[in-house]
Amino acid sequence: MVIIEQRDYHVHTGQLPELVRLYAEEGILIQQEVLGGFIGAFTTEIGALSTYTSMWRYDSFGEREERRAALQARDDWQAFAGRIQPLIHTQQNRILTPTSFSALR
């Protein structure tokens, strides 16, 4: 069963441009190599501001667990995470299951 993971990072006010820059320059490349299934990355204009959202597709929850563990095991990811952690206020993750009529399945 396909799942979509939505990860929302709420950053400290004024820090969103820096977080996006760091992801663009190094973070997303590491993630795409390990996680695959990149759907997109977004920022908010209305609603919960100062939010960076990424969405990832996996064939199963088990695949997600394996790929996320592999990501956490990488030294380059740990170094990157250390640079972005001070920018992040809170994080929220959701696992979405597409409906039978969803374009993403």
PDB file of N, CA and C in Angstrom:
ATOM      1  N   MET A   1       0.845  -1.184   0.000  1.00  0.00           N
ATOM      2  CA  MET A   1       0.000   0.000   0.000  1.00  0.00           C
ATOM      3  C   MET A   1       0.888   1.245   0.000  1.00  0.00           C
ATOM      4  N   VAL A   2       0.690   2.095  -0.948  1.00  0.00           N
ATOM      5  CA  VAL A   2       1.444   3.343  -1.052  1.00  0.00           C
ATOM      6  C   VAL A   2       1.064   4.278   0.086  1.00  0.00           C
ATOM      7  N   ILE A   3       2.070   4.969   0.613  1.00  0.00           N
ATOM      8  CA  ILE A   3       1.822   6.016   1.607  1.00  0.00           C
ATOM      9  C   ILE A   3       2.573   7.270   1.185  1.00  0.00           C
ATOM     10  N   ILE A   4       2.071   8.395   1.622  1.00  0.00           N
ATOM     11  CA  ILE A   4       2.712   9.685   1.422  1.00  0.00           C
ATOM     12  C   ILE A   4       3.034  10.230   2.807  1.00  0.00           C
ATOM     13  N   GLU A   5       4.282  10.642   2.988  1.00  0.00           N
ATOM     14  CA  GLU A   5       4.661  11.266   4.253  1.00  0.00           C
ATOM     15  C   GLU A   5       4.751  12.768   4.042  1.00  0.00           C
ATOM     16  N   GLN A   6       4.038  13.493   4.881  1.00  0.00           N
ATOM     17  CA  GLN A   6       4.095  14.954   4.893  1.00  0.00           C
ATOM     18  C   GLN A   6       4.843  15.367   6.141  1.00  0.00           C
ATOM     19  N   ARG A   7       5.939  16.116   5.948  1.00  0.00           N
ATOM     20  CA  ARG A   7       6.760  16.571   7.068  1.00  0.00           C
ATOM     21  C   ARG A   7       6.725  18.092   7.082  1.00  0.00           C
ATOM     22  N   ASP A   8       6.235  18.660   8.167  1.00  0.00           N
ATOM     23  CA  ASP A   8       6.148  20.115   8.335  1.00  0.00           C
ATOM     24  C   ASP A   8       7.159  20.559   9.379  1.00  0.00           C
ATOM     25  N   TYR A   9       8.014  21.487   8.979  1.00  0.00           N
ATOM     26  CA  TYR A   9       8.979  22.083   9.896  1.00  0.00           C
ATOM     27  C   TYR A   9       8.582  23.529  10.102  1.00  0.00           C
ATOM     28  N   HIS A  10       8.210  23.876  11.314  1.00  0.00           N
ATOM     29  CA  HIS A  10       7.858  25.247  11.672  1.00  0.00           C
ATOM     30  C   HIS A  10       9.126  25.888  12.214  1.00  0.00           C
ATOM     31  N   VAL A  11       9.619  26.896  11.501  1.00  0.00           N
ATOM     32  CA  VAL A  11      10.901  27.493  11.876  1.00  0.00           C
ATOM     33  C   VAL A  11      10.689  28.798  12.633  1.00  0.00           C
ATOM     34  N   HIS A  12      11.725  29.214  13.321  1.00  0.00           N
ATOM     35  CA  HIS A  12      11.668  30.489  14.045  1.00  0.00           C
ATOM     36  C   HIS A  12      11.443  31.618  13.042  1.00  0.00           C
ATOM     37  N   THR A  13      10.683  32.604  13.450  1.00  0.00           N
ATOM     38  CA  THR A  13      10.352  33.735  12.588  1.00  0.00           C
ATOM     39  C   THR A  13      11.622  34.333  11.983  1.00  0.00           C
ATOM     40  N   GLY A  14      11.576  34.509  10.674  1.00  0.00           N
ATOM     41  CA  GLY A  14      12.699  35.090   9.948  1.00  0.00           C
ATOM     42  C   GLY A  14      13.740  34.086   9.478  1.00  0.00           C
ATOM     43  N   GLN A  15      13.615  32.826   9.870  1.00  0.00           N
ATOM     44  CA  GLN A  15      14.624  31.817   9.536  1.00  0.00           C
ATOM     45  C   GLN A  15      14.258  30.941   8.340  1.00  0.00           C
ATOM     46  N   LEU A  16      13.062  31.107   7.789  1.00  0.00           N
ATOM     47  CA  LEU A  16      12.637  30.254   6.679  1.00  0.00           C
ATOM     48  C   LEU A  16      13.554  30.373   5.464  1.00  0.00           C
ATOM     49  N   PRO A  17      13.947  31.578   5.035  1.00  0.00           N
ATOM     50  CA  PRO A  17      14.851  31.661   3.876  1.00  0.00           C
ATOM     51  C   PRO A  17      16.163  30.881   4.082  1.00  0.00           C
ATOM     52  N   GLU A  18      16.699  30.911   5.286  1.00  0.00           N
ATOM     53  CA  GLU A  18      17.938  30.178   5.571  1.00  0.00           C
ATOM     54  C   GLU A  18      17.710  28.667   5.513  1.00  0.00           C
ATOM     55  N   LEU A  19      16.603  28.195   6.060  1.00  0.00           N
ATOM     56  CA  LEU A  19      16.305  26.768   6.010  1.00  0.00           C
ATOM     57  C   LEU A  19      16.140  26.314   4.560  1.00  0.00           C
ATOM     58  N   VAL A  20      15.411  27.068   3.769  1.00  0.00           N
ATOM     59  CA  VAL A  20      15.208  26.718   2.363  1.00  0.00           C
ATOM     60  C   VAL A  20      16.546  26.722   1.623  1.00  0.00           C
ATOM     61  N   ARG A  21      17.391  27.689   1.894  1.00  0.00           N
ATOM     62  CA  ARG A  21      18.711  27.747   1.254  1.00  0.00           C
ATOM     63  C   ARG A  21      19.540  26.505   1.581  1.00  0.00           C
ATOM     64  N   LEU A  22      19.555  26.122   2.853  1.00  0.00           N
ATOM     65  CA  LEU A  22      20.332  24.950   3.255  1.00  0.00           C
ATOM     66  C   LEU A  22      19.808  23.674   2.600  1.00  0.00           C
ATOM     67  N   TYR A  23      18.492  23.524   2.551  1.00  0.00           N
ATOM     68  CA  TYR A  23      17.924  22.362   1.862  1.00  0.00           C
ATOM     69  C   TYR A  23      18.280  22.387   0.385  1.00  0.00           C
ATOM     70  N   ALA A  24      18.143  23.540  -0.257  1.00  0.00           N
ATOM     71  CA  ALA A  24      18.415  23.641  -1.694  1.00  0.00           C
ATOM     72  C   ALA A  24      19.870  23.320  -2.017  1.00  0.00           C
ATOM     73  N   GLU A  25      20.783  23.757  -1.176  1.00  0.00           N
ATOM     74  CA  GLU A  25      22.200  23.591  -1.456  1.00  0.00           C
ATOM     75  C   GLU A  25      22.750  22.213  -1.102  1.00  0.00           C
ATOM     76  N   GLU A  26      22.152  21.544  -0.105  1.00  0.00           N
ATOM     77  CA  GLU A  26      22.713  20.255   0.280  1.00  0.00           C
ATOM     78  C   GLU A  26      21.717  19.232   0.806  1.00  0.00           C
ATOM     79  N   GLY A  27      20.739  19.637   1.572  1.00  0.00           N
ATOM     80  CA  GLY A  27      19.857  18.677   2.237  1.00  0.00           C
ATOM     81  C   GLY A  27      19.013  17.838   1.296  1.00  0.00           C
ATOM     82  N   ILE A  28      18.406  18.480   0.311  1.00  0.00           N
ATOM     83  CA  ILE A  28      17.485  17.749  -0.561  1.00  0.00           C
ATOM     84  C   ILE A  28      18.225  16.717  -1.401  1.00  0.00           C
ATOM     85  N   LEU A  29      19.467  17.002  -1.767  1.00  0.00           N
ATOM     86  CA  LEU A  29      20.241  16.042  -2.558  1.00  0.00           C
ATOM     87  C   LEU A  29      20.507  14.760  -1.770  1.00  0.00           C
ATOM     88  N   ILE A  30      20.841  14.910  -0.507  1.00  0.00           N
ATOM     89  CA  ILE A  30      21.066  13.744   0.349  1.00  0.00           C
ATOM     90  C   ILE A  30      19.765  12.964   0.497  1.00  0.00           C
ATOM     91  N   GLN A  31      18.682  13.674   0.790  1.00  0.00           N
ATOM     92  CA  GLN A  31      17.394  13.011   0.982  1.00  0.00           C
ATOM     93  C   GLN A  31      16.956  12.270  -0.277  1.00  0.00           C
ATOM     94  N   GLN A  32      17.051  12.906  -1.430  1.00  0.00           N
ATOM     95  CA  GLN A  32      16.614  12.263  -2.663  1.00  0.00           C
ATOM     96  C   GLN A  32      17.417  11.005  -2.946  1.00  0.00           C
ATOM     97  N   GLU A  33      18.719  11.030  -2.658  1.00  0.00           N
ATOM     98  CA  GLU A  33      19.563   9.860  -2.883  1.00  0.00           C
ATOM     99  C   GLU A  33      19.121   8.675  -2.026  1.00  0.00           C
ATOM    100  N   VAL A  34      18.771   8.951  -0.774  1.00  0.00           N
ATOM    101  CA  VAL A  34      18.449   7.872   0.164  1.00  0.00           C
ATOM    102  C   VAL A  34      16.960   7.532   0.173  1.00  0.00           C
ATOM    103  N   LEU A  35      16.118   8.554   0.188  1.00  0.00           N
ATOM    104  CA  LEU A  35      14.685   8.323   0.358  1.00  0.00           C
ATOM    105  C   LEU A  35      13.963   7.997  -0.941  1.00  0.00           C
ATOM    106  N   GLY A  36      14.419   8.574  -2.073  1.00  0.00           N
ATOM    107  CA  GLY A  36      13.666   8.410  -3.320  1.00  0.00           C
ATOM    108  C   GLY A  36      12.274   8.976  -3.135  1.00  0.00           C
ATOM    109  N   GLY A  37      11.419   8.835  -4.087  1.00  0.00           N
ATOM    110  CA  GLY A  37      10.009   9.193  -3.954  1.00  0.00           C
ATOM    111  C   GLY A  37       9.700  10.626  -3.588  1.00  0.00           C
ATOM    112  N   PHE A  38      10.569  11.554  -3.958  1.00  0.00           N
ATOM    113  CA  PHE A  38      10.340  12.965  -3.613  1.00  0.00           C
ATOM    114  C   PHE A  38       9.180  13.519  -4.439  1.00  0.00           C
ATOM    115  N   ILE A  39       8.165  14.040  -3.757  1.00  0.00           N
ATOM    116  CA  ILE A  39       7.014  14.651  -4.425  1.00  0.00           C
ATOM    117  C   ILE A  39       7.228  16.142  -4.576  1.00  0.00           C
ATOM    118  N   GLY A  40       7.669  16.794  -3.509  1.00  0.00           N
ATOM    119  CA  GLY A  40       7.896  18.229  -3.585  1.00  0.00           C
ATOM    120  C   GLY A  40       8.176  18.835  -2.231  1.00  0.00           C
ATOM    121  N   ALA A  41       8.617  20.098  -2.279  1.00  0.00           N
ATOM    122  CA  ALA A  41       8.868  20.887  -1.071  1.00  0.00           C
ATOM    123  C   ALA A  41       8.148  22.212  -1.236  1.00  0.00           C
ATOM    124  N   PHE A  42       7.599  22.721  -0.148  1.00  0.00           N
ATOM    125  CA  PHE A  42       6.719  23.878  -0.211  1.00  0.00           C
ATOM    126  C   PHE A  42       6.951  24.788   0.994  1.00  0.00           C
ATOM    127  N   THR A  43       6.617  26.051   0.827  1.00  0.00           N
ATOM    128  CA  THR A  43       6.547  26.981   1.948  1.00  0.00           C
ATOM    129  C   THR A  43       5.129  27.539   1.981  1.00  0.00           C
ATOM    130  N   THR A  44       4.765  28.157   3.089  1.00  0.00           N
ATOM    131  CA  THR A  44       3.392  28.638   3.246  1.00  0.00           C
ATOM    132  C   THR A  44       3.297  30.140   3.017  1.00  0.00           C
ATOM    133  N   GLU A  45       2.191  30.557   2.453  1.00  0.00           N
ATOM    134  CA  GLU A  45       1.878  31.971   2.252  1.00  0.00           C
ATOM    135  C   GLU A  45       0.709  32.404   3.141  1.00  0.00           C
ATOM    136  N   ILE A  46      -0.170  31.446   3.448  1.00  0.00           N
ATOM    137  CA  ILE A  46      -1.348  31.701   4.279  1.00  0.00           C
ATOM    138  C   ILE A  46      -1.454  30.555   5.271  1.00  0.00           C
ATOM    139  N   GLY A  47      -1.873  30.858   6.475  1.00  0.00           N
ATOM    140  CA  GLY A  47      -2.000  29.819   7.494  1.00  0.00           C
ATOM    141  C   GLY A  47      -0.803  29.857   8.426  1.00  0.00           C
ATOM    142  N   ALA A  48      -0.292  28.670   8.777  1.00  0.00           N
ATOM    143  CA  ALA A  48       0.865  28.579   9.675  1.00  0.00           C
ATOM    144  C   ALA A  48       2.105  29.031   8.916  1.00  0.00           C
ATOM    145  N   LEU A  49       2.481  30.280   9.105  1.00  0.00           N
ATOM    146  CA  LEU A  49       3.616  30.846   8.388  1.00  0.00           C
ATOM    147  C   LEU A  49       4.930  30.277   8.909  1.00  0.00           C
ATOM    148  N   SER A  50       6.015  30.585   8.213  1.00  0.00           N
ATOM    149  CA  SER A  50       7.346  30.092   8.574  1.00  0.00           C
ATOM    150  C   SER A  50       7.374  28.569   8.629  1.00  0.00           C
ATOM    151  N   THR A  51       6.736  27.946   7.631  1.00  0.00           N
ATOM    152  CA  THR A  51       6.662  26.493   7.571  1.00  0.00           C
ATOM    153  C   THR A  51       7.254  25.980   6.265  1.00  0.00           C
ATOM    154  N   TYR A  52       8.108  24.976   6.387  1.00  0.00           N
ATOM    155  CA  TYR A  52       8.686  24.256   5.252  1.00  0.00           C
ATOM    156  C   TYR A  52       8.066  22.872   5.262  1.00  0.00           C
ATOM    157  N   THR A  53       7.438  22.486   4.167  1.00  0.00           N
ATOM    158  CA  THR A  53       6.778  21.186   4.059  1.00  0.00           C
ATOM    159  C   THR A  53       7.412  20.379   2.940  1.00  0.00           C
ATOM    160  N   SER A  54       7.717  19.127   3.227  1.00  0.00           N
ATOM    161  CA  SER A  54       8.172  18.220   2.173  1.00  0.00           C
ATOM    162  C   SER A  54       7.254  17.005   2.165  1.00  0.00           C
ATOM    163  N   MET A  55       7.114  16.426   0.971  1.00  0.00           N
ATOM    164  CA  MET A  55       6.260  15.250   0.811  1.00  0.00           C
ATOM    165  C   MET A  55       7.043  14.159   0.086  1.00  0.00           C
ATOM    166  N   TRP A  56       6.915  12.944   0.608  1.00  0.00           N
ATOM    167  CA  TRP A  56       7.669  11.790   0.122  1.00  0.00           C
ATOM    168  C   TRP A  56       6.728  10.608  -0.091  1.00  0.00           C
ATOM    169  N   ARG A  57       6.945   9.861  -1.161  1.00  0.00           N
ATOM    170  CA  ARG A  57       6.127   8.688  -1.486  1.00  0.00           C
ATOM    171  C   ARG A  57       6.925   7.422  -1.178  1.00  0.00           C
ATOM    172  N   TYR A  58       6.255   6.473  -0.530  1.00  0.00           N
ATOM    173  CA  TYR A  58       6.843   5.172  -0.234  1.00  0.00           C
ATOM    174  C   TYR A  58       5.860   4.080  -0.630  1.00  0.00           C
ATOM    175  N   ASP A  59       6.387   2.916  -0.974  1.00  0.00           N
ATOM    176  CA  ASP A  59       5.523   1.794  -1.338  1.00  0.00           C
ATOM    177  C   ASP A  59       4.893   1.128  -0.126  1.00  0.00           C
ATOM    178  N   SER A  60       5.462   1.365   1.057  1.00  0.00           N
ATOM    179  CA  SER A  60       4.915   0.792   2.291  1.00  0.00           C
ATOM    180  C   SER A  60       5.504   1.531   3.490  1.00  0.00           C
ATOM    181  N   PHE A  61       4.902   1.309   4.652  1.00  0.00           N
ATOM    182  CA  PHE A  61       5.440   1.902   5.866  1.00  0.00           C
ATOM    183  C   PHE A  61       6.798   1.291   6.191  1.00  0.00           C
ATOM    184  N   GLY A  62       6.947   0.003   5.898  1.00  0.00           N
ATOM    185  CA  GLY A  62       8.226  -0.664   6.120  1.00  0.00           C
ATOM    186  C   GLY A  62       9.344  -0.053   5.292  1.00  0.00           C
ATOM    187  N   GLU A  63       9.055   0.268   4.023  1.00  0.00           N
ATOM    188  CA  GLU A  63      10.056   0.918   3.176  1.00  0.00           C
ATOM    189  C   GLU A  63      10.446   2.271   3.770  1.00  0.00           C
ATOM    190  N   ARG A  64       9.448   3.010   4.237  1.00  0.00           N
ATOM    191  CA  ARG A  64       9.723   4.307   4.854  1.00  0.00           C
ATOM    192  C   ARG A  64      10.663   4.144   6.043  1.00  0.00           C
ATOM    193  N   GLU A  65      10.383   3.184   6.912  1.00  0.00           N
ATOM    194  CA  GLU A  65      11.225   2.959   8.086  1.00  0.00           C
ATOM    195  C   GLU A  65      12.663   2.643   7.685  1.00  0.00           C
ATOM    196  N   GLU A  66      12.839   1.776   6.694  1.00  0.00           N
ATOM    197  CA  GLU A  66      14.175   1.390   6.235  1.00  0.00           C
ATOM    198  C   GLU A  66      14.934   2.582   5.656  1.00  0.00           C
ATOM    199  N   ARG A  67      14.263   3.347   4.810  1.00  0.00           N
ATOM    200  CA  ARG A  67      14.919   4.472   4.161  1.00  0.00           C
ATOM    201  C   ARG A  67      15.237   5.590   5.168  1.00  0.00           C
ATOM    202  N   ARG A  68      14.328   5.842   6.101  1.00  0.00           N
ATOM    203  CA  ARG A  68      14.580   6.866   7.119  1.00  0.00           C
ATOM    204  C   ARG A  68      15.740   6.447   8.019  1.00  0.00           C
ATOM    205  N   ALA A  69      15.838   5.159   8.357  1.00  0.00           N
ATOM    206  CA  ALA A  69      16.956   4.669   9.178  1.00  0.00           C
ATOM    207  C   ALA A  69      18.273   4.826   8.422  1.00  0.00           C
ATOM    208  N   ALA A  70      18.255   4.539   7.125  1.00  0.00           N
ATOM    209  CA  ALA A  70      19.465   4.697   6.309  1.00  0.00           C
ATOM    210  C   ALA A  70      19.889   6.165   6.250  1.00  0.00           C
ATOM    211  N   LEU A  71      18.919   7.060   6.168  1.00  0.00           N
ATOM    212  CA  LEU A  71      19.224   8.490   6.147  1.00  0.00           C
ATOM    213  C   LEU A  71      19.877   8.915   7.458  1.00  0.00           C
ATOM    214  N   GLN A  72      19.297   8.478   8.571  1.00  0.00           N
ATOM    215  CA  GLN A  72      19.838   8.856   9.890  1.00  0.00           C
ATOM    216  C   GLN A  72      21.232   8.300  10.121  1.00  0.00           C
ATOM    217  N   ALA A  73      21.591   7.221   9.447  1.00  0.00           N
ATOM    218  CA  ALA A  73      22.897   6.592   9.630  1.00  0.00           C
ATOM    219  C   ALA A  73      24.013   7.310   8.874  1.00  0.00           C
ATOM    220  N   ARG A  74      23.681   8.243   8.008  1.00  0.00           N
ATOM    221  CA  ARG A  74      24.691   8.925   7.195  1.00  0.00           C
ATOM    222  C   ARG A  74      25.317  10.102   7.940  1.00  0.00           C
ATOM    223  N   ASP A  75      26.624  10.169   7.897  1.00  0.00           N
ATOM    224  CA  ASP A  75      27.339  11.265   8.554  1.00  0.00           C
ATOM    225  C   ASP A  75      27.017  12.614   7.918  1.00  0.00           C
ATOM    226  N   ASP A  76      26.892  12.650   6.582  1.00  0.00           N
ATOM    227  CA  ASP A  76      26.593  13.920   5.926  1.00  0.00           C
ATOM    228  C   ASP A  76      25.206  14.424   6.305  1.00  0.00           C
ATOM    229  N   TRP A  77      24.252  13.504   6.504  1.00  0.00           N
ATOM    230  CA  TRP A  77      22.919  13.908   6.938  1.00  0.00           C
ATOM    231  C   TRP A  77      22.961  14.421   8.382  1.00  0.00           C
ATOM    232  N   GLN A  78      23.701  13.742   9.238  1.00  0.00           N
ATOM    233  CA  GLN A  78      23.813  14.173  10.629  1.00  0.00           C
ATOM    234  C   GLN A  78      24.430  15.566  10.715  1.00  0.00           C
ATOM    235  N   ALA A  79      25.425  15.849   9.885  1.00  0.00           N
ATOM    236  CA  ALA A  79      26.036  17.181   9.866  1.00  0.00           C
ATOM    237  C   ALA A  79      25.027  18.223   9.389  1.00  0.00           C
ATOM    238  N   PHE A  80      24.270  17.886   8.352  1.00  0.00           N
ATOM    239  CA  PHE A  80      23.249  18.800   7.843  1.00  0.00           C
ATOM    240  C   PHE A  80      22.175  19.048   8.903  1.00  0.00           C
ATOM    241  N   ALA A  81      21.700  17.983   9.527  1.00  0.00           N
ATOM    242  CA  ALA A  81      20.661  18.105  10.554  1.00  0.00           C
ATOM    243  C   ALA A  81      21.134  19.002  11.705  1.00  0.00           C
ATOM    244  N   GLY A  82      22.409  18.919  12.036  1.00  0.00           N
ATOM    245  CA  GLY A  82      22.955  19.777  13.084  1.00  0.00           C
ATOM    246  C   GLY A  82      22.906  21.256  12.726  1.00  0.00           C
ATOM    247  N   ARG A  83      23.011  21.555  11.424  1.00  0.00           N
ATOM    248  CA  ARG A  83      22.948  22.962  10.991  1.00  0.00           C
ATOM    249  C   ARG A  83      21.524  23.494  10.943  1.00  0.00           C
ATOM    250  N   ILE A  84      20.552  22.639  10.641  1.00  0.00           N
ATOM    251  CA  ILE A  84      19.175  23.142  10.537  1.00  0.00           C
ATOM    252  C   ILE A  84      18.417  23.078  11.858  1.00  0.00           C
ATOM    253  N   GLN A  85      18.844  22.218  12.753  1.00  0.00           N
ATOM    254  CA  GLN A  85      18.117  22.041  14.019  1.00  0.00           C
ATOM    255  C   GLN A  85      17.887  23.346  14.783  1.00  0.00           C
ATOM    256  N   PRO A  86      18.865  24.236  14.877  1.00  0.00           N
ATOM    257  CA  PRO A  86      18.622  25.483  15.612  1.00  0.00           C
ATOM    258  C   PRO A  86      17.572  26.389  14.953  1.00  0.00           C
ATOM    259  N   LEU A  87      17.296  26.180  13.682  1.00  0.00           N
ATOM    260  CA  LEU A  87      16.320  27.002  12.967  1.00  0.00           C
ATOM    261  C   LEU A  87      14.881  26.538  13.203  1.00  0.00           C
ATOM    262  N   ILE A  88      14.724  25.285  13.608  1.00  0.00           N
ATOM    263  CA  ILE A  88      13.398  24.662  13.696  1.00  0.00           C
ATOM    264  C   ILE A  88      12.807  24.847  15.083  1.00  0.00           C
ATOM    265  N   HIS A  89      11.554  25.310  15.090  1.00  0.00           N
ATOM    266  CA  HIS A  89      10.805  25.493  16.344  1.00  0.00           C
ATOM    267  C   HIS A  89      10.078  24.206  16.706  1.00  0.00           C
ATOM    268  N   THR A  90       9.263  23.688  15.780  1.00  0.00           N
ATOM    269  CA  THR A  90       8.524  22.441  15.989  1.00  0.00           C
ATOM    270  C   THR A  90       8.436  21.686  14.672  1.00  0.00           C
ATOM    271  N   GLN A  91       8.080  20.414  14.777  1.00  0.00           N
ATOM    272  CA  GLN A  91       7.937  19.560  13.601  1.00  0.00           C
ATOM    273  C   GLN A  91       6.676  18.729  13.746  1.00  0.00           C
ATOM    274  N   GLN A  92       6.024  18.482  12.616  1.00  0.00           N
ATOM    275  CA  GLN A  92       4.846  17.611  12.588  1.00  0.00           C
ATOM    276  C   GLN A  92       4.945  16.718  11.361  1.00  0.00           C
ATOM    277  N   ASN A  93       4.741  15.423  11.558  1.00  0.00           N
ATOM    278  CA  ASN A  93       4.750  14.465  10.451  1.00  0.00           C
ATOM    279  C   ASN A  93       3.379  13.816  10.348  1.00  0.00           C
ATOM    280  N   ARG A  94       2.964  13.579   9.118  1.00  0.00           N
ATOM    281  CA  ARG A  94       1.709  12.864   8.889  1.00  0.00           C
ATOM    282  C   ARG A  94       1.930  11.810   7.819  1.00  0.00           C
ATOM    283  N   ILE A  95       1.320  10.669   7.995  1.00  0.00           N
ATOM    284  CA  ILE A  95       1.320   9.624   6.973  1.00  0.00           C
ATOM    285  C   ILE A  95      -0.049   9.661   6.314  1.00  0.00           C
ATOM    286  N   LEU A  96      -0.055   9.899   5.013  1.00  0.00           N
ATOM    287  CA  LEU A  96      -1.283  10.006   4.245  1.00  0.00           C
ATOM    288  C   LEU A  96      -1.440   8.762   3.377  1.00  0.00           C
ATOM    289  N   THR A  97      -2.645   8.229   3.326  1.00  0.00           N
ATOM    290  CA  THR A  97      -2.951   7.084   2.482  1.00  0.00           C
ATOM    291  C   THR A  97      -3.840   7.561   1.343  1.00  0.00           C
ATOM    292  N   PRO A  98      -3.376   7.457   0.100  1.00  0.00           N
ATOM    293  CA  PRO A  98      -4.181   7.943  -1.025  1.00  0.00           C
ATOM    294  C   PRO A  98      -5.488   7.155  -1.173  1.00  0.00           C
ATOM    295  N   THR A  99      -6.515   7.859  -1.588  1.00  0.00           N
ATOM    296  CA  THR A  99      -7.777   7.215  -1.905  1.00  0.00           C
ATOM    297  C   THR A  99      -7.640   6.493  -3.250  1.00  0.00           C
ATOM    298  N   SER A 100      -8.620   5.662  -3.572  1.00  0.00           N
ATOM    299  CA  SER A 100      -8.578   4.918  -4.832  1.00  0.00           C
ATOM    300  C   SER A 100      -8.643   5.828  -6.048  1.00  0.00           C
ATOM    301  N   PHE A 101      -9.141   7.063  -5.874  1.00  0.00           N
ATOM    302  CA  PHE A 101      -9.271   7.991  -7.006  1.00  0.00           C
ATOM    303  C   PHE A 101      -8.240   9.117  -6.972  1.00  0.00           C
ATOM    304  N   SER A 102      -7.249   9.013  -6.090  1.00  0.00           N
ATOM    305  CA  SER A 102      -6.214  10.039  -5.988  1.00  0.00           C
ATOM    306  C   SER A 102      -5.262   9.958  -7.184  1.00  0.00           C
ATOM    307  N   ALA A 103      -4.799  11.137  -7.633  1.00  0.00           N
ATOM    308  CA  ALA A 103      -3.811  11.157  -8.703  1.00  0.00           C
ATOM    309  C   ALA A 103      -2.481  10.576  -8.236  1.00  0.00           C
ATOM    310  N   LEU A 104      -2.171  10.716  -6.972  1.00  0.00           N
ATOM    311  CA  LEU A 104      -0.967  10.107  -6.389  1.00  0.00           C
ATOM    312  C   LEU A 104      -1.364   8.806  -5.724  1.00  0.00           C
ATOM    313  N   ARG A 105      -0.982   7.708  -6.341  1.00  0.00           N
ATOM    314  CA  ARG A 105      -1.310   6.391  -5.767  1.00  0.00           C
ATOM    315  C   ARG A 105      -0.131   5.472  -5.876  1.00  0.00           C
TER     316      ARG A 105
END
